[in-house]
Amino acid sequence: MTAEDIINLFNMIPLPGEGGYYVETYRASEKIDDLPARYEGPRTFSTAILYLITPTSFSKLHKVKSDEVFHFHLGNPVEMLKIYETGKTETEIVGTDLVKGQKPQAVVYKNTWQGTKLIEGGKFALLGCTVAPSFEFSDYESANKDLLIKQFPNAKALIEKYI
């Protein structure tokens, strides 16, 4: 199976701004009205997507207003970069080789800068991403390279890799 096969099988489309390909597979029917001030209006309880990364279309640095849980489904392992509000950086390898320390699941907390790329030589990775409260495109913020480097100068090399 190839990345193109998966894109066609699930009718995936390019994920605007971030990169990669996605299809929304779940959106809760019930809404939450009383949310923190960072949200512009109500949200449903949760959303889920299938998300595909290729060597040329990866998850560029961005952040969202809700916690996200990524699940590895198929393909080659990925490297996930997280830059926390404190400036601490963390890189996780998400995949299925538990003996090598890969994790089948990764959590990204709200307002954490994040980006995800295939490990060098990989052809594709199919991930799931569950967001609660639900994801809305108005909750998405793309990274500005210069501003991010100014804010986190110790992470310059990592930031440049994921822009």
Foldseek 3Di string as FASTA:
>chain_A
DAPVVVCVVQVWDFDPPFWWTKDKDDAAPDWDADDPPLDDGIFTFKTKMKTKAFQVTWGFKKFFAWKKKKFWDDWAWKWKWKQDPVLDIDIAIDDDPVVVPHHRMDMDGHPIIMIMHGDPPTGMTIMMMMTGRYDDPVRMGGDDLVVVCVSRVVCNVVNVVRD
